[in-house]
Amino acid sequence: MAEIISVLNQKGGCGKTTTAVNLSTAIALLGKSVLVIDMDPQANATTAFGLEKNEENSIYRVLTGQQTLDEAIVATDISGLDMLPSHISLSGAEIELSKDIGFPFLLKESMDGILENYDYIILDVPPSLGILTINSLVAADSVIIPIQAEFYALEGMADLLDAMNLVDSRLNSPSPIKGILITMYDSRTRLGRDVYQNVKQYFGETEYIFKTTIPRNVKLAEAPSHGKPCIIYDEECIGTEAYQDLALELLAMNESEGEDEK
């Protein structure tokens, strides 16, 4: 059964979509079956896989009951990796969805019947704490939080954690933190090192901070304009190597957790 992971941070520009796209690709290239769901109305993850932004197959139609999730899924050029695209129409969905008394569970319920088809389902969540993010948290088994190595890295983090706790307590749907991922990191700068230490102090020893860090890399920024994940666009750049390492770390973590449960 698929593990559902939300990649989220209400701050924009932290590498959230880059992480969702390249981590999912790296996992697929390791032989796992992966579905990426683009929950962001900007549809950047959709573009990054070279897919058209059209409403015909979209998470918008799924959440509004016009299409089943299975019907909306499209294949990518990457073996083992499927995609549920987004569309700008999703930006108005919060008003439509709020009329449904069970709106927090719409995404989770739509996944019935497909969980056996994948090893991982990766959700690219919008940079907000609205209805789409609530749906993503309710549906998820765990959360990856990318944090940019910059001065304001932890600004708003308390609000994000409060929202996660609220979903847990009021909707009885815990989404534990799978890991904190430091992005755009440069160990040569004092700022980068300071932010890394601040993140460790903020979360303490109770939450997992990935050993892998994602460096600043122009190839990571270039790849979406070519409709390809960076791992496909440039197989040897440092951005690709970092996301390959992250995928291996994540899979090793899950294997370790599985053995602990036995």
C-alpha atoms as a PDB file:
ATOM      1  CA  MET A   1       0.000   0.000   0.000  1.00  0.00           C
ATOM      2  CA  ALA A   2       1.224   3.468  -0.893  1.00  0.00           C
ATOM      3  CA  GLU A   3       2.796   5.791   1.615  1.00  0.00           C
ATOM      4  CA  ILE A   4       1.323   9.262   1.083  1.00  0.00           C
ATOM      5  CA  ILE A   5       3.764  12.114   1.694  1.00  0.00           C
ATOM      6  CA  SER A   6       2.832  15.800   1.616  1.00  0.00           C
ATOM      7  CA  VAL A   7       5.631  18.193   0.698  1.00  0.00           C
ATOM      8  CA  LEU A   8       4.629  21.497   2.243  1.00  0.00           C
ATOM      9  CA  ASN A   9       5.666  24.820   3.658  1.00  0.00           C
ATOM     10  CA  GLN A  10       3.473  27.911   3.645  1.00  0.00           C
ATOM     11  CA  LYS A  11       6.506  29.971   2.612  1.00  0.00           C
ATOM     12  CA  GLY A  12       7.044  30.212  -1.124  1.00  0.00           C
ATOM     13  CA  GLY A  13      10.452  29.833  -2.747  1.00  0.00           C
ATOM     14  CA  CYS A  14      11.721  27.127  -0.408  1.00  0.00           C
ATOM     15  CA  GLY A  15      12.107  24.416  -3.048  1.00  0.00           C
ATOM     16  CA  LYS A  16       8.827  22.662  -2.290  1.00  0.00           C
ATOM     17  CA  THR A  17       7.841  21.851  -5.879  1.00  0.00           C
ATOM     18  CA  THR A  18      11.449  21.156  -6.856  1.00  0.00           C
ATOM     19  CA  THR A  19      11.588  18.623  -4.045  1.00  0.00           C
ATOM     20  CA  ALA A  20       8.262  16.976  -4.896  1.00  0.00           C
ATOM     21  CA  VAL A  21       9.241  16.626  -8.565  1.00  0.00           C
ATOM     22  CA  ASN A  22      12.828  15.463  -8.180  1.00  0.00           C
ATOM     23  CA  LEU A  23      12.358  13.256  -5.124  1.00  0.00           C
ATOM     24  CA  SER A  24       9.470  11.426  -6.777  1.00  0.00           C
ATOM     25  CA  THR A  25      11.534  10.982  -9.949  1.00  0.00           C
ATOM     26  CA  ALA A  26      14.516   9.658  -8.003  1.00  0.00           C
ATOM     27  CA  ILE A  27      12.278   7.181  -6.161  1.00  0.00           C
ATOM     28  CA  ALA A  28      10.768   5.982  -9.456  1.00  0.00           C
ATOM     29  CA  LEU A  29      14.227   5.493 -10.961  1.00  0.00           C
ATOM     30  CA  LEU A  30      15.013   3.249  -7.984  1.00  0.00           C
ATOM     31  CA  GLY A  31      12.263   0.921  -9.152  1.00  0.00           C
ATOM     32  CA  LYS A  32       9.341   2.115  -7.051  1.00  0.00           C
ATOM     33  CA  SER A  33       5.915   3.035  -8.431  1.00  0.00           C
ATOM     34  CA  VAL A  34       5.073   6.677  -7.721  1.00  0.00           C
ATOM     35  CA  LEU A  35       2.127   9.010  -8.198  1.00  0.00           C
ATOM     36  CA  VAL A  36       2.600  12.779  -7.942  1.00  0.00           C
ATOM     37  CA  ILE A  37      -0.496  14.864  -7.196  1.00  0.00           C
ATOM     38  CA  ASP A  38      -0.176  18.574  -7.953  1.00  0.00           C
ATOM     39  CA  MET A  39      -2.329  20.293  -5.312  1.00  0.00           C
ATOM     40  CA  ASP A  40      -1.071  23.784  -6.182  1.00  0.00           C
ATOM     41  CA  PRO A  41      -3.227  25.977  -8.492  1.00  0.00           C
ATOM     42  CA  GLN A  42      -0.001  27.377  -9.981  1.00  0.00           C
ATOM     43  CA  ALA A  43       0.530  23.883 -11.440  1.00  0.00           C
ATOM     44  CA  ASN A  44       4.315  24.195 -11.406  1.00  0.00           C
ATOM     45  CA  ALA A  45       4.807  20.486 -10.777  1.00  0.00           C
ATOM     46  CA  THR A  46       2.588  19.773 -13.785  1.00  0.00           C
ATOM     47  CA  THR A  47       4.803  21.993 -15.943  1.00  0.00           C
ATOM     48  CA  ALA A  48       7.965  20.417 -14.533  1.00  0.00           C
ATOM     49  CA  PHE A  49       6.900  17.046 -15.944  1.00  0.00           C
ATOM     50  CA  GLY A  50       6.180  18.572 -19.352  1.00  0.00           C
ATOM     51  CA  LEU A  51       2.409  18.121 -19.068  1.00  0.00           C
ATOM     52  CA  GLU A  52      -0.247  20.478 -20.390  1.00  0.00           C
ATOM     53  CA  LYS A  53      -2.234  22.551 -17.907  1.00  0.00           C
ATOM     54  CA  ASN A  54      -5.757  21.635 -18.939  1.00  0.00           C
ATOM     55  CA  GLU A  55      -8.857  21.092 -16.892  1.00  0.00           C
ATOM     56  CA  GLU A  56      -9.759  17.837 -18.647  1.00  0.00           C
ATOM     57  CA  ASN A  57      -7.547  15.731 -16.376  1.00  0.00           C
ATOM     58  CA  SER A  58      -6.959  17.611 -13.161  1.00  0.00           C
ATOM     59  CA  ILE A  59      -7.175  17.419  -9.395  1.00  0.00           C
ATOM     60  CA  TYR A  60      -9.776  20.200  -9.635  1.00  0.00           C
ATOM     61  CA  ARG A  61     -12.213  17.895 -11.435  1.00  0.00           C
ATOM     62  CA  VAL A  62     -11.507  15.148  -8.918  1.00  0.00           C
ATOM     63  CA  LEU A  63     -12.154  17.296  -5.844  1.00  0.00           C
ATOM     64  CA  THR A  64     -15.338  18.750  -7.342  1.00  0.00           C
ATOM     65  CA  GLY A  65     -16.695  15.297  -8.195  1.00  0.00           C
ATOM     66  CA  GLN A  66     -16.523  15.595 -11.986  1.00  0.00           C
ATOM     67  CA  GLN A  67     -13.931  12.853 -12.414  1.00  0.00           C
ATOM     68  CA  THR A  68     -12.537   9.966 -10.403  1.00  0.00           C
ATOM     69  CA  LEU A  69      -8.913  10.135  -9.355  1.00  0.00           C
ATOM     70  CA  ASP A  70      -8.143   7.016 -11.368  1.00  0.00           C
ATOM     71  CA  GLU A  71      -9.643   8.606 -14.501  1.00  0.00           C
ATOM     72  CA  ALA A  72      -7.634  11.816 -14.080  1.00  0.00           C
ATOM     73  CA  ILE A  73      -4.194  10.215 -13.680  1.00  0.00           C
ATOM     74  CA  VAL A  74      -1.855  10.578 -16.674  1.00  0.00           C
ATOM     75  CA  ALA A  75       1.418   8.805 -17.367  1.00  0.00           C
ATOM     76  CA  THR A  76       4.702  10.701 -17.564  1.00  0.00           C
ATOM     77  CA  ASP A  77       7.707   9.879 -19.726  1.00  0.00           C
ATOM     78  CA  ILE A  78       9.377   8.370 -16.648  1.00  0.00           C
ATOM     79  CA  SER A  79       8.837   4.662 -16.119  1.00  0.00           C
ATOM     80  CA  GLY A  80       6.887   3.961 -12.945  1.00  0.00           C
ATOM     81  CA  LEU A  81       5.831   7.577 -12.398  1.00  0.00           C
ATOM     82  CA  ASP A  82       2.289   8.860 -12.929  1.00  0.00           C
ATOM     83  CA  MET A  83       0.912  12.344 -12.435  1.00  0.00           C
ATOM     84  CA  LEU A  84      -2.362  13.951 -11.435  1.00  0.00           C
ATOM     85  CA  PRO A  85      -2.058  17.451 -12.933  1.00  0.00           C
ATOM     86  CA  SER A  86      -3.335  20.729 -11.555  1.00  0.00           C
ATOM     87  CA  HIS A  87      -5.034  23.674 -13.250  1.00  0.00           C
ATOM     88  CA  ILE A  88      -5.610  27.351 -12.447  1.00  0.00           C
ATOM     89  CA  SER A  89      -9.300  26.556 -11.871  1.00  0.00           C
ATOM     90  CA  LEU A  90      -8.188  24.972  -8.599  1.00  0.00           C
ATOM     91  CA  SER A  91      -7.606  28.484  -7.245  1.00  0.00           C
ATOM     92  CA  GLY A  92     -11.366  28.980  -6.951  1.00  0.00           C
ATOM     93  CA  ALA A  93     -12.029  25.530  -5.577  1.00  0.00           C
ATOM     94  CA  GLU A  94     -11.659  26.564  -1.942  1.00  0.00           C
ATOM     95  CA  ILE A  95     -14.993  28.417  -2.101  1.00  0.00           C
ATOM     96  CA  GLU A  96     -16.698  25.508  -3.873  1.00  0.00           C
ATOM     97  CA  LEU A  97     -15.250  22.882  -1.542  1.00  0.00           C
ATOM     98  CA  SER A  98     -16.085  24.796   1.629  1.00  0.00           C
ATOM     99  CA  LYS A  99     -19.790  24.192   0.922  1.00  0.00           C
ATOM    100  CA  ASP A 100     -19.249  20.448   1.442  1.00  0.00           C
ATOM    101  CA  ILE A 101     -19.510  19.543   5.124  1.00  0.00           C
ATOM    102  CA  GLY A 102     -16.910  16.823   4.617  1.00  0.00           C
ATOM    103  CA  PHE A 103     -14.487  18.986   2.640  1.00  0.00           C
ATOM    104  CA  PRO A 104     -11.357  18.062   4.661  1.00  0.00           C
ATOM    105  CA  PHE A 105     -11.710  14.432   3.539  1.00  0.00           C
ATOM    106  CA  LEU A 106     -12.381  14.876  -0.176  1.00  0.00           C
ATOM    107  CA  LEU A 107      -8.831  14.056  -1.316  1.00  0.00           C
ATOM    108  CA  LYS A 108      -8.445  11.161   1.102  1.00  0.00           C
ATOM    109  CA  GLU A 109     -11.737   9.606   0.021  1.00  0.00           C
ATOM    110  CA  SER A 110     -10.886  10.044  -3.666  1.00  0.00           C
ATOM    111  CA  MET A 111      -7.820   7.837  -3.174  1.00  0.00           C
ATOM    112  CA  ASP A 112      -9.876   4.760  -2.311  1.00  0.00           C
ATOM    113  CA  GLY A 113      -9.018   2.052  -4.801  1.00  0.00           C
ATOM    114  CA  ILE A 114      -5.662   3.377  -6.003  1.00  0.00           C
ATOM    115  CA  LEU A 115      -3.464   2.968  -2.932  1.00  0.00           C
ATOM    116  CA  GLU A 116      -2.529  -0.572  -3.934  1.00  0.00           C
ATOM    117  CA  ASN A 117      -1.247   0.668  -7.298  1.00  0.00           C
ATOM    118  CA  TYR A 118       1.696   2.671  -5.925  1.00  0.00           C
ATOM    119  CA  ASP A 119       4.531   2.493  -3.439  1.00  0.00           C
ATOM    120  CA  TYR A 120       4.543   6.262  -2.895  1.00  0.00           C
ATOM    121  CA  ILE A 121       2.115   9.113  -3.495  1.00  0.00           C
ATOM    122  CA  ILE A 122       3.769  12.539  -3.308  1.00  0.00           C
ATOM    123  CA  LEU A 123       1.580  15.623  -2.832  1.00  0.00           C
ATOM    124  CA  ASP A 124       2.899  19.022  -3.915  1.00  0.00           C
ATOM    125  CA  VAL A 125       0.979  21.301  -1.550  1.00  0.00           C
ATOM    126  CA  PRO A 126       0.329  25.036  -2.147  1.00  0.00           C
ATOM    127  CA  PRO A 127       2.135  27.634   0.010  1.00  0.00           C
ATOM    128  CA  SER A 128      -0.881  28.407   2.167  1.00  0.00           C
ATOM    129  CA  LEU A 129      -2.837  27.002   5.090  1.00  0.00           C
ATOM    130  CA  GLY A 130      -6.198  26.802   3.308  1.00  0.00           C
ATOM    131  CA  ILE A 131      -8.605  24.034   2.324  1.00  0.00           C
ATOM    132  CA  LEU A 132      -6.239  22.428  -0.202  1.00  0.00           C
ATOM    133  CA  THR A 133      -3.519  22.147   2.433  1.00  0.00           C
ATOM    134  CA  ILE A 134      -5.982  20.726   4.970  1.00  0.00           C
ATOM    135  CA  ASN A 135      -7.042  18.088   2.440  1.00  0.00           C
ATOM    136  CA  SER A 136      -3.390  17.242   1.811  1.00  0.00           C
ATOM    137  CA  LEU A 137      -2.653  16.886   5.537  1.00  0.00           C
ATOM    138  CA  VAL A 138      -5.709  14.711   6.144  1.00  0.00           C
ATOM    139  CA  ALA A 139      -4.769  12.428   3.247  1.00  0.00           C
ATOM    140  CA  ALA A 140      -1.066  12.189   4.102  1.00  0.00           C
ATOM    141  CA  ASP A 141       0.707   9.589   6.201  1.00  0.00           C
ATOM    142  CA  SER A 142       3.614  11.969   6.771  1.00  0.00           C
ATOM    143  CA  VAL A 143       5.037  15.362   5.843  1.00  0.00           C
ATOM    144  CA  ILE A 144       8.331  16.599   4.414  1.00  0.00           C
ATOM    145  CA  ILE A 145       9.026  20.265   5.148  1.00  0.00           C
ATOM    146  CA  PRO A 146      11.614  21.935   2.887  1.00  0.00           C
ATOM    147  CA  ILE A 147      13.272  24.906   4.593  1.00  0.00           C
ATOM    148  CA  GLN A 148      15.407  27.344   2.631  1.00  0.00           C
ATOM    149  CA  ALA A 149      18.769  28.197   4.161  1.00  0.00           C
ATOM    150  CA  GLU A 150      18.028  31.901   4.500  1.00  0.00           C
ATOM    151  CA  PHE A 151      17.586  34.435   7.297  1.00  0.00           C
ATOM    152  CA  TYR A 152      13.771  34.128   7.439  1.00  0.00           C
ATOM    153  CA  ALA A 153      13.802  30.336   7.150  1.00  0.00           C
ATOM    154  CA  LEU A 154      11.787  29.646  10.299  1.00  0.00           C
ATOM    155  CA  GLU A 155       9.380  32.568   9.955  1.00  0.00           C
ATOM    156  CA  GLY A 156       5.823  31.258  10.063  1.00  0.00           C
ATOM    157  CA  MET A 157       6.916  27.773  11.085  1.00  0.00           C
ATOM    158  CA  ALA A 158       4.886  27.966  14.304  1.00  0.00           C
ATOM    159  CA  ASP A 159       1.728  28.627  12.246  1.00  0.00           C
ATOM    160  CA  LEU A 160       2.439  25.616  10.056  1.00  0.00           C
ATOM    161  CA  LEU A 161       2.989  23.331  13.037  1.00  0.00           C
ATOM    162  CA  ASP A 162      -0.156  24.698  14.711  1.00  0.00           C
ATOM    163  CA  ALA A 163      -2.154  23.891  11.566  1.00  0.00           C
ATOM    164  CA  MET A 164      -0.768  20.351  11.539  1.00  0.00           C
ATOM    165  CA  ASN A 165      -1.655  19.900  15.196  1.00  0.00           C
ATOM    166  CA  LEU A 166      -5.149  21.273  14.569  1.00  0.00           C
ATOM    167  CA  VAL A 167      -5.752  18.749  11.779  1.00  0.00           C
ATOM    168  CA  ASP A 168      -4.560  16.030  14.134  1.00  0.00           C
ATOM    169  CA  SER A 169      -6.694  17.034  17.115  1.00  0.00           C
ATOM    170  CA  ARG A 170      -9.920  18.144  15.391  1.00  0.00           C
ATOM    171  CA  LEU A 171     -10.009  15.774  12.449  1.00  0.00           C
ATOM    172  CA  ASN A 172      -8.243  12.869  14.138  1.00  0.00           C
ATOM    173  CA  SER A 173      -5.809  12.693  11.238  1.00  0.00           C
ATOM    174  CA  PRO A 174      -2.183  12.889  12.362  1.00  0.00           C
ATOM    175  CA  SER A 175       0.486  13.717   9.768  1.00  0.00           C
ATOM    176  CA  PRO A 176       3.827  13.262  11.528  1.00  0.00           C
ATOM    177  CA  ILE A 177       6.880  15.026  10.169  1.00  0.00           C
ATOM    178  CA  LYS A 178       8.828  12.601   8.020  1.00  0.00           C
ATOM    179  CA  GLY A 179      11.739  14.960   7.774  1.00  0.00           C
ATOM    180  CA  ILE A 180      12.970  18.520   7.611  1.00  0.00           C
ATOM    181  CA  LEU A 181      14.873  19.179   4.392  1.00  0.00           C
ATOM    182  CA  ILE A 182      17.366  22.039   4.150  1.00  0.00           C
ATOM    183  CA  THR A 183      17.311  23.480   0.615  1.00  0.00           C
ATOM    184  CA  MET A 184      19.453  26.025  -1.267  1.00  0.00           C
ATOM    185  CA  TYR A 185      22.206  25.230   1.202  1.00  0.00           C
ATOM    186  CA  ASP A 186      25.803  26.390   0.937  1.00  0.00           C
ATOM    187  CA  SER A 187      28.009  25.063   3.727  1.00  0.00           C
ATOM    188  CA  ARG A 188      30.719  27.564   2.764  1.00  0.00           C
ATOM    189  CA  THR A 189      28.673  30.501   4.006  1.00  0.00           C
ATOM    190  CA  ARG A 190      28.186  31.393   7.626  1.00  0.00           C
ATOM    191  CA  LEU A 191      24.497  32.072   6.965  1.00  0.00           C
ATOM    192  CA  GLY A 192      23.971  28.561   5.640  1.00  0.00           C
ATOM    193  CA  ARG A 193      25.662  26.979   8.629  1.00  0.00           C
ATOM    194  CA  ASP A 194      23.783  29.225  11.061  1.00  0.00           C
ATOM    195  CA  VAL A 195      20.402  28.410   9.536  1.00  0.00           C
ATOM    196  CA  TYR A 196      21.178  24.698   9.696  1.00  0.00           C
ATOM    197  CA  GLN A 197      21.984  24.989  13.403  1.00  0.00           C
ATOM    198  CA  ASN A 198      18.886  27.124  14.021  1.00  0.00           C
ATOM    199  CA  VAL A 199      16.689  24.501  12.394  1.00  0.00           C
ATOM    200  CA  LYS A 200      18.220  21.779  14.557  1.00  0.00           C
ATOM    201  CA  GLN A 201      17.646  23.873  17.674  1.00  0.00           C
ATOM    202  CA  TYR A 202      14.080  24.739  16.668  1.00  0.00           C
ATOM    203  CA  PHE A 203      12.971  21.177  16.072  1.00  0.00           C
ATOM    204  CA  GLY A 204      15.236  19.609  18.674  1.00  0.00           C
ATOM    205  CA  GLU A 205      15.937  15.901  18.700  1.00  0.00           C
ATOM    206  CA  THR A 206      12.272  14.901  18.479  1.00  0.00           C
ATOM    207  CA  GLU A 207      11.909  15.448  14.743  1.00  0.00           C
ATOM    208  CA  TYR A 208      13.963  14.017  11.933  1.00  0.00           C
ATOM    209  CA  ILE A 209      16.234  16.320   9.955  1.00  0.00           C
ATOM    210  CA  PHE A 210      17.472  14.749   6.733  1.00  0.00           C
ATOM    211  CA  LYS A 211      21.210  14.258   6.546  1.00  0.00           C
ATOM    212  CA  THR A 212      20.942  15.128   2.866  1.00  0.00           C
ATOM    213  CA  THR A 213      20.860  18.837   2.063  1.00  0.00           C
ATOM    214  CA  ILE A 214      19.912  20.343  -1.290  1.00  0.00           C
ATOM    215  CA  PRO A 215      22.482  22.818  -2.646  1.00  0.00           C
ATOM    216  CA  ARG A 216      21.945  25.931  -4.684  1.00  0.00           C
ATOM    217  CA  ASN A 217      22.196  24.726  -8.270  1.00  0.00           C
ATOM    218  CA  VAL A 218      21.256  26.536 -11.483  1.00  0.00           C
ATOM    219  CA  LYS A 219      20.297  23.248 -13.158  1.00  0.00           C
ATOM    220  CA  LEU A 220      17.488  22.748 -10.627  1.00  0.00           C
ATOM    221  CA  ALA A 221      16.083  26.112 -11.706  1.00  0.00           C
ATOM    222  CA  GLU A 222      16.598  25.497 -15.433  1.00  0.00           C
ATOM    223  CA  ALA A 223      15.029  22.048 -15.673  1.00  0.00           C
ATOM    224  CA  PRO A 224      11.309  23.017 -15.391  1.00  0.00           C
ATOM    225  CA  SER A 225      11.576  25.309 -18.413  1.00  0.00           C
ATOM    226  CA  HIS A 226      12.506  22.194 -20.406  1.00  0.00           C
ATOM    227  CA  GLY A 227       9.565  20.207 -19.015  1.00  0.00           C
ATOM    228  CA  LYS A 228      11.836  17.758 -17.240  1.00  0.00           C
ATOM    229  CA  PRO A 229      12.840  16.994 -13.660  1.00  0.00           C
ATOM    230  CA  CYS A 230      16.457  17.955 -13.057  1.00  0.00           C
ATOM    231  CA  ILE A 231      17.353  14.292 -12.576  1.00  0.00           C
ATOM    232  CA  ILE A 232      16.400  13.702 -16.220  1.00  0.00           C
ATOM    233  CA  TYR A 233      17.562  17.084 -17.534  1.00  0.00           C
ATOM    234  CA  ASP A 234      21.103  16.780 -16.146  1.00  0.00           C
ATOM    235  CA  GLU A 235      21.988  13.405 -14.689  1.00  0.00           C
ATOM    236  CA  GLU A 236      25.334  14.503 -13.270  1.00  0.00           C
ATOM    237  CA  CYS A 237      24.769  17.917 -11.685  1.00  0.00           C
ATOM    238  CA  ILE A 238      24.997  18.388  -7.922  1.00  0.00           C
ATOM    239  CA  GLY A 239      21.241  18.983  -7.671  1.00  0.00           C
ATOM    240  CA  THR A 240      20.558  15.583  -9.218  1.00  0.00           C
ATOM    241  CA  GLU A 241      23.067  13.902  -6.914  1.00  0.00           C
ATOM    242  CA  ALA A 242      21.433  15.518  -3.875  1.00  0.00           C
ATOM    243  CA  TYR A 243      17.934  14.301  -4.740  1.00  0.00           C
ATOM    244  CA  GLN A 244      19.252  10.832  -5.520  1.00  0.00           C
ATOM    245  CA  ASP A 245      20.850  10.801  -2.062  1.00  0.00           C
ATOM    246  CA  LEU A 246      17.599  12.028  -0.512  1.00  0.00           C
ATOM    247  CA  ALA A 247      15.614   9.239  -2.179  1.00  0.00           C
ATOM    248  CA  LEU A 248      18.060   6.635  -0.895  1.00  0.00           C
ATOM    249  CA  GLU A 249      17.902   8.147   2.587  1.00  0.00           C
ATOM    250  CA  LEU A 250      14.101   8.133   2.554  1.00  0.00           C
ATOM    251  CA  LEU A 251      13.874   4.515   1.399  1.00  0.00           C
ATOM    252  CA  ALA A 252      16.453   3.427   3.969  1.00  0.00           C
ATOM    253  CA  MET A 253      14.469   5.238   6.666  1.00  0.00           C
ATOM    254  CA  ASN A 254      11.277   3.435   5.667  1.00  0.00           C
ATOM    255  CA  GLU A 255      13.007   0.062   5.628  1.00  0.00           C
ATOM    256  CA  SER A 256      14.331   0.752   9.112  1.00  0.00           C
ATOM    257  CA  GLU A 257      10.867   1.785  10.338  1.00  0.00           C
ATOM    258  CA  GLY A 258       9.382  -1.359   8.799  1.00  0.00           C
ATOM    259  CA  GLU A 259      11.868  -3.571  10.617  1.00  0.00           C
ATOM    260  CA  ASP A 260      11.143  -1.780  13.909  1.00  0.00           C
ATOM    261  CA  GLU A 261       7.429  -2.530  13.522  1.00  0.00           C
ATOM    262  CA  LYS A 262       8.033  -6.267  13.149  1.00  0.00           C
END
